[in-house]
Amino acid sequence: MPQSFGPAVIRSLGILEEGPMCLAIPGKVTETYRQHDLLMGKVDFGGIAKRVCLEHVPEVRIGDYVLVHVGFALSTIDEDEARRVFEVLDGMNQLDELRVPSP
């Protein structure tokens, strides 16, 4: 793996000594709200917006970037790291699930 990738890229791609893991996708938080007493938000993934649970990142603010796995934001990352992760995943054709409309 090239040296330019930071820890968030490595986590997102699941590149660990134990073997591959599930992917997390970076996105930008564009809205936050509470629903059924849970912190939720709208997250933009390169032009595709999805509802995401933000309970695991309660400090998140509009404009922050988060790593999302199966609808849950697991951590915050900086904008440059988010861009690099998104580019790598796009290059690996791993963003198809984002193109499926939300229910």
C-alpha atoms as a PDB file:
ATOM      1  CA  MET A   1       0.000   0.000   0.000  1.00  0.00           C
ATOM      2  CA  PRO A   2       1.486   3.435  -0.901  1.00  0.00           C
ATOM      3  CA  GLN A   3       2.839   5.561   1.932  1.00  0.00           C
ATOM      4  CA  SER A   4       0.429   8.446   1.104  1.00  0.00           C
ATOM      5  CA  PHE A   5      -2.543   6.570   2.571  1.00  0.00           C
ATOM      6  CA  GLY A   6      -3.315   7.447   6.169  1.00  0.00           C
ATOM      7  CA  PRO A   7      -4.834   5.312   8.896  1.00  0.00           C
ATOM      8  CA  ALA A   8      -8.430   6.059   7.842  1.00  0.00           C
ATOM      9  CA  VAL A   9      -7.735   4.711   4.349  1.00  0.00           C
ATOM     10  CA  ILE A  10      -6.176   1.596   5.817  1.00  0.00           C
ATOM     11  CA  ARG A  11      -9.155   1.131   8.209  1.00  0.00           C
ATOM     12  CA  SER A  12     -11.663   1.785   5.436  1.00  0.00           C
ATOM     13  CA  LEU A  13     -10.131  -0.778   3.123  1.00  0.00           C
ATOM     14  CA  GLY A  14      -9.908  -3.316   5.924  1.00  0.00           C
ATOM     15  CA  ILE A  15      -6.171  -3.819   5.390  1.00  0.00           C
ATOM     16  CA  LEU A  16      -5.087  -5.314   8.665  1.00  0.00           C
ATOM     17  CA  GLU A  17      -2.734  -8.110   9.629  1.00  0.00           C
ATOM     18  CA  GLU A  18      -5.751 -10.284  10.471  1.00  0.00           C
ATOM     19  CA  GLY A  19      -7.050 -10.100   6.886  1.00  0.00           C
ATOM     20  CA  PRO A  20      -9.755  -8.202   4.997  1.00  0.00           C
ATOM     21  CA  MET A  21     -12.750  -6.620   6.707  1.00  0.00           C
ATOM     22  CA  CYS A  22     -15.881  -4.859   5.529  1.00  0.00           C
ATOM     23  CA  LEU A  23     -15.567  -1.464   3.863  1.00  0.00           C
ATOM     24  CA  ALA A  24     -16.469   1.901   5.345  1.00  0.00           C
ATOM     25  CA  ILE A  25     -17.339   4.733   2.958  1.00  0.00           C
ATOM     26  CA  PRO A  26     -16.373   8.381   3.615  1.00  0.00           C
ATOM     27  CA  GLY A  27     -19.056  11.049   3.426  1.00  0.00           C
ATOM     28  CA  LYS A  28     -19.716  14.661   4.369  1.00  0.00           C
ATOM     29  CA  VAL A  29     -22.356  15.439   7.004  1.00  0.00           C
ATOM     30  CA  THR A  30     -24.825  17.939   5.544  1.00  0.00           C
ATOM     31  CA  GLU A  31     -27.570  17.797   8.167  1.00  0.00           C
ATOM     32  CA  THR A  32     -28.051  16.513  11.720  1.00  0.00           C
ATOM     33  CA  TYR A  33     -31.275  15.793  13.593  1.00  0.00           C
ATOM     34  CA  ARG A  34     -32.741  13.548  16.278  1.00  0.00           C
ATOM     35  CA  GLN A  35     -35.087  10.730  15.361  1.00  0.00           C
ATOM     36  CA  HIS A  36     -36.536   8.419  18.034  1.00  0.00           C
ATOM     37  CA  ASP A  37     -33.950   9.900  20.426  1.00  0.00           C
ATOM     38  CA  LEU A  38     -31.028   8.907  18.139  1.00  0.00           C
ATOM     39  CA  LEU A  39     -28.578  11.340  16.571  1.00  0.00           C
ATOM     40  CA  MET A  40     -29.092  10.993  12.823  1.00  0.00           C
ATOM     41  CA  GLY A  41     -27.881  12.898   9.810  1.00  0.00           C
ATOM     42  CA  LYS A  42     -27.853  13.262   6.086  1.00  0.00           C
ATOM     43  CA  VAL A  43     -24.448  12.382   4.645  1.00  0.00           C
ATOM     44  CA  ASP A  44     -23.294  13.190   1.109  1.00  0.00           C
ATOM     45  CA  PHE A  45     -21.267  10.515  -0.681  1.00  0.00           C
ATOM     46  CA  GLY A  46     -20.001  12.273  -3.807  1.00  0.00           C
ATOM     47  CA  GLY A  47     -23.421  13.635  -4.764  1.00  0.00           C
ATOM     48  CA  ILE A  48     -25.531  10.818  -3.313  1.00  0.00           C
ATOM     49  CA  ALA A  49     -27.185  11.612   0.037  1.00  0.00           C
ATOM     50  CA  LYS A  50     -28.105   8.923   2.570  1.00  0.00           C
ATOM     51  CA  ARG A  51     -29.554   8.884   6.093  1.00  0.00           C
ATOM     52  CA  VAL A  52     -26.923   7.777   8.617  1.00  0.00           C
ATOM     53  CA  CYS A  53     -26.927   7.090  12.349  1.00  0.00           C
ATOM     54  CA  LEU A  54     -24.426   9.427  14.040  1.00  0.00           C
ATOM     55  CA  GLU A  55     -24.705   8.091  17.608  1.00  0.00           C
ATOM     56  CA  HIS A  56     -21.129   6.723  17.552  1.00  0.00           C
ATOM     57  CA  VAL A  57     -19.750  10.190  16.675  1.00  0.00           C
ATOM     58  CA  PRO A  58     -21.783  12.541  18.923  1.00  0.00           C
ATOM     59  CA  GLU A  59     -19.233  15.351  18.453  1.00  0.00           C
ATOM     60  CA  VAL A  60     -19.849  15.499  14.686  1.00  0.00           C
ATOM     61  CA  ARG A  61     -20.857  18.821  13.128  1.00  0.00           C
ATOM     62  CA  ILE A  62     -22.285  19.808   9.756  1.00  0.00           C
ATOM     63  CA  GLY A  63     -19.375  19.885   7.296  1.00  0.00           C
ATOM     64  CA  ASP A  64     -17.413  17.116   9.064  1.00  0.00           C
ATOM     65  CA  TYR A  65     -16.453  13.924   7.264  1.00  0.00           C
ATOM     66  CA  VAL A  66     -17.282  10.498   8.649  1.00  0.00           C
ATOM     67  CA  LEU A  67     -16.552   6.864   7.769  1.00  0.00           C
ATOM     68  CA  VAL A  68     -19.871   5.018   7.350  1.00  0.00           C
ATOM     69  CA  HIS A  69     -20.487   1.279   7.460  1.00  0.00           C
ATOM     70  CA  VAL A  70     -23.984  -0.167   6.917  1.00  0.00           C
ATOM     71  CA  GLY A  71     -25.659   3.128   7.802  1.00  0.00           C
ATOM     72  CA  PHE A  72     -23.616   3.912  10.922  1.00  0.00           C
ATOM     73  CA  ALA A  73     -20.921   6.600  11.135  1.00  0.00           C
ATOM     74  CA  LEU A  74     -18.053   4.929  12.987  1.00  0.00           C
ATOM     75  CA  SER A  75     -15.476   7.725  13.112  1.00  0.00           C
ATOM     76  CA  THR A  76     -14.675  11.199  11.865  1.00  0.00           C
ATOM     77  CA  ILE A  77     -11.851  11.876   9.407  1.00  0.00           C
ATOM     78  CA  ASP A  78     -10.410  14.975   7.763  1.00  0.00           C
ATOM     79  CA  GLU A  79     -11.413  16.113   4.271  1.00  0.00           C
ATOM     80  CA  ASP A  80      -8.160  15.072   2.549  1.00  0.00           C
ATOM     81  CA  GLU A  81      -8.331  11.583   4.014  1.00  0.00           C
ATOM     82  CA  ALA A  82     -12.007  11.281   3.010  1.00  0.00           C
ATOM     83  CA  ARG A  83     -11.165  12.282  -0.567  1.00  0.00           C
ATOM     84  CA  ARG A  84      -8.342   9.722  -0.779  1.00  0.00           C
ATOM     85  CA  VAL A  85     -10.524   6.906   0.597  1.00  0.00           C
ATOM     86  CA  PHE A  86     -13.355   7.777  -1.793  1.00  0.00           C
ATOM     87  CA  GLU A  87     -10.969   7.829  -4.781  1.00  0.00           C
ATOM     88  CA  VAL A  88      -9.465   4.443  -3.859  1.00  0.00           C
ATOM     89  CA  LEU A  89     -12.887   2.846  -3.366  1.00  0.00           C
ATOM     90  CA  ASP A  90     -14.184   4.349  -6.605  1.00  0.00           C
ATOM     91  CA  GLY A  91     -11.140   3.016  -8.439  1.00  0.00           C
ATOM     92  CA  MET A  92     -11.866  -0.440  -7.002  1.00  0.00           C
ATOM     93  CA  ASN A  93     -15.545  -0.203  -8.094  1.00  0.00           C
ATOM     94  CA  GLN A  94     -16.634  -0.510  -4.451  1.00  0.00           C
ATOM     95  CA  LEU A  95     -19.203   2.314  -4.487  1.00  0.00           C
ATOM     96  CA  ASP A  96     -22.048   0.559  -6.336  1.00  0.00           C
ATOM     97  CA  GLU A  97     -24.178   0.226  -3.186  1.00  0.00           C
ATOM     98  CA  LEU A  98     -24.362   4.032  -2.981  1.00  0.00           C
ATOM     99  CA  ARG A  99     -26.101   4.174  -6.332  1.00  0.00           C
ATOM    100  CA  VAL A 100     -29.051   2.133  -5.053  1.00  0.00           C
ATOM    101  CA  PRO A 101     -31.851   4.524  -3.991  1.00  0.00           C
ATOM    102  CA  SER A 102     -32.640   4.785  -0.270  1.00  0.00           C
ATOM    103  CA  PRO A 103     -36.023   3.370   0.822  1.00  0.00           C
END
